Amino acid sequence: MSIKLYMDHHVDIAITVGLRRRGVDVLTCQDDGTTTWDDDRLLDRATQLGRVLFSQDDDLLAIVHQWQHGNRSFAGLVYGHQLDL
């Protein structure tokens, strides 16, 4: 079984394009019309769709931590740190 990703609007489109070229099932916030949603709603939306949220937003790490300690379920988070290059 492969992981289905839900890309946060903070993620550069080049990452999405590269993943799609490699056959990864990727849905973006732009595709889904959720670019203005806050982080909690995005994590919840990804879970509703059975997708793991991919983000480079540090705030999501704190949200996931709260959800884990509050026993709130979610599909998962892939976090990629933004490098200052």
C-alpha atoms as a PDB file:
ATOM      1  CA  MET A   1       0.000   0.000   0.000  1.00  0.00           C
ATOM      2  CA  SER A   2       1.366   3.416  -0.903  1.00  0.00           C
ATOM      3  CA  ILE A   3       0.934   6.612   1.064  1.00  0.00           C
ATOM      4  CA  LYS A   4      -1.426   9.212  -0.349  1.00  0.00           C
ATOM      5  CA  LEU A   5      -0.265  12.754   0.378  1.00  0.00           C
ATOM      6  CA  TYR A   6      -2.152  15.979   0.940  1.00  0.00           C
ATOM      7  CA  MET A   7       0.154  18.940   0.279  1.00  0.00           C
ATOM      8  CA  ASP A   8      -0.073  22.053   2.429  1.00  0.00           C
ATOM      9  CA  HIS A   9      -0.081  25.339   0.504  1.00  0.00           C
ATOM     10  CA  HIS A  10       3.345  26.197   1.967  1.00  0.00           C
ATOM     11  CA  VAL A  11       5.026  23.415  -0.013  1.00  0.00           C
ATOM     12  CA  ASP A  12       6.805  24.474  -3.205  1.00  0.00           C
ATOM     13  CA  ILE A  13       5.099  23.140  -6.337  1.00  0.00           C
ATOM     14  CA  ALA A  14       8.401  21.621  -7.523  1.00  0.00           C
ATOM     15  CA  ILE A  15       8.193  19.082  -4.677  1.00  0.00           C
ATOM     16  CA  THR A  16       4.671  18.110  -5.715  1.00  0.00           C
ATOM     17  CA  VAL A  17       5.666  17.824  -9.374  1.00  0.00           C
ATOM     18  CA  GLY A  18       8.654  15.646  -8.482  1.00  0.00           C
ATOM     19  CA  LEU A  19       6.569  13.317  -6.324  1.00  0.00           C
ATOM     20  CA  ARG A  20       3.918  12.982  -9.010  1.00  0.00           C
ATOM     21  CA  ARG A  21       6.585  12.137 -11.602  1.00  0.00           C
ATOM     22  CA  ARG A  22       7.609   9.292  -9.337  1.00  0.00           C
ATOM     23  CA  GLY A  23       4.047   7.971  -9.164  1.00  0.00           C
ATOM     24  CA  VAL A  24       3.116   9.282  -5.711  1.00  0.00           C
ATOM     25  CA  ASP A  25      -0.581  10.055  -5.271  1.00  0.00           C
ATOM     26  CA  VAL A  26      -0.584  13.751  -4.321  1.00  0.00           C
ATOM     27  CA  LEU A  27      -3.525  16.105  -3.774  1.00  0.00           C
ATOM     28  CA  THR A  28      -2.705  19.764  -3.095  1.00  0.00           C
ATOM     29  CA  CYS A  29      -4.650  22.330  -1.117  1.00  0.00           C
ATOM     30  CA  GLN A  30      -4.872  24.274  -4.365  1.00  0.00           C
ATOM     31  CA  ASP A  31      -6.506  21.278  -6.100  1.00  0.00           C
ATOM     32  CA  ASP A  32      -8.912  20.871  -3.172  1.00  0.00           C
ATOM     33  CA  GLY A  33      -9.769  24.571  -2.727  1.00  0.00           C
ATOM     34  CA  THR A  34      -8.486  24.765   0.848  1.00  0.00           C
ATOM     35  CA  THR A  35      -5.578  27.203   0.520  1.00  0.00           C
ATOM     36  CA  THR A  36      -7.054  29.626   3.058  1.00  0.00           C
ATOM     37  CA  TRP A  37      -7.839  27.019   5.705  1.00  0.00           C
ATOM     38  CA  ASP A  38      -6.004  27.036   9.031  1.00  0.00           C
ATOM     39  CA  ASP A  39      -3.657  24.213  10.004  1.00  0.00           C
ATOM     40  CA  ASP A  40      -6.144  22.337  12.215  1.00  0.00           C
ATOM     41  CA  ARG A  41      -8.681  22.176   9.428  1.00  0.00           C
ATOM     42  CA  LEU A  42      -6.064  21.048   6.904  1.00  0.00           C
ATOM     43  CA  LEU A  43      -4.947  18.198   9.151  1.00  0.00           C
ATOM     44  CA  ASP A  44      -8.559  17.204   9.683  1.00  0.00           C
ATOM     45  CA  ARG A  45      -9.292  17.420   5.929  1.00  0.00           C
ATOM     46  CA  ALA A  46      -6.304  15.233   5.061  1.00  0.00           C
ATOM     47  CA  THR A  47      -7.523  12.677   7.588  1.00  0.00           C
ATOM     48  CA  GLN A  48     -11.054  12.738   6.153  1.00  0.00           C
ATOM     49  CA  LEU A  49      -9.576  11.990   2.734  1.00  0.00           C
ATOM     50  CA  GLY A  50      -7.343   9.199   4.068  1.00  0.00           C
ATOM     51  CA  ARG A  51      -4.193  11.153   3.221  1.00  0.00           C
ATOM     52  CA  VAL A  52      -1.076  12.108   5.143  1.00  0.00           C
ATOM     53  CA  LEU A  53      -0.523  15.849   5.345  1.00  0.00           C
ATOM     54  CA  PHE A  54       2.840  17.013   3.956  1.00  0.00           C
ATOM     55  CA  SER A  55       3.899  20.390   5.294  1.00  0.00           C
ATOM     56  CA  GLN A  56       6.876  22.633   5.912  1.00  0.00           C
ATOM     57  CA  ASP A  57       4.962  24.699   8.473  1.00  0.00           C
ATOM     58  CA  ASP A  58       6.503  24.551  11.963  1.00  0.00           C
ATOM     59  CA  ASP A  59       3.134  25.322  13.569  1.00  0.00           C
ATOM     60  CA  LEU A  60       1.810  21.922  12.517  1.00  0.00           C
ATOM     61  CA  LEU A  61       4.363  20.175  14.716  1.00  0.00           C
ATOM     62  CA  ALA A  62       2.790  21.754  17.802  1.00  0.00           C
ATOM     63  CA  ILE A  63      -0.718  20.939  16.590  1.00  0.00           C
ATOM     64  CA  VAL A  64       0.172  17.282  15.998  1.00  0.00           C
ATOM     65  CA  HIS A  65       1.761  17.127  19.444  1.00  0.00           C
ATOM     66  CA  GLN A  66      -1.468  18.460  21.010  1.00  0.00           C
ATOM     67  CA  TRP A  67      -3.616  16.058  19.010  1.00  0.00           C
ATOM     68  CA  GLN A  68      -1.468  13.089  20.032  1.00  0.00           C
ATOM     69  CA  HIS A  69      -1.643  13.973  23.719  1.00  0.00           C
ATOM     70  CA  GLY A  70      -5.371  14.625  23.441  1.00  0.00           C
ATOM     71  CA  ASN A  71      -5.911  11.215  21.822  1.00  0.00           C
ATOM     72  CA  ARG A  72      -7.281  12.872  18.694  1.00  0.00           C
ATOM     73  CA  SER A  73      -6.706  10.681  15.678  1.00  0.00           C
ATOM     74  CA  PHE A  74      -5.289  11.847  12.355  1.00  0.00           C
ATOM     75  CA  ALA A  75      -3.833  10.148   9.291  1.00  0.00           C
ATOM     76  CA  GLY A  76      -0.302  11.458   9.796  1.00  0.00           C
ATOM     77  CA  LEU A  77       2.089  14.291   9.095  1.00  0.00           C
ATOM     78  CA  VAL A  78       5.203  14.389   6.952  1.00  0.00           C
ATOM     79  CA  TYR A  79       7.228  17.424   7.931  1.00  0.00           C
ATOM     80  CA  GLY A  80      10.008  18.773   5.757  1.00  0.00           C
ATOM     81  CA  HIS A  81      12.053  21.598   7.272  1.00  0.00           C
ATOM     82  CA  GLN A  82      12.468  24.618   5.003  1.00  0.00           C
ATOM     83  CA  LEU A  83      16.134  25.316   4.476  1.00  0.00           C
ATOM     84  CA  ASP A  84      17.461  28.840   4.197  1.00  0.00           C
ATOM     85  CA  LEU A  85      19.416  28.374   0.996  1.00  0.00           C
END
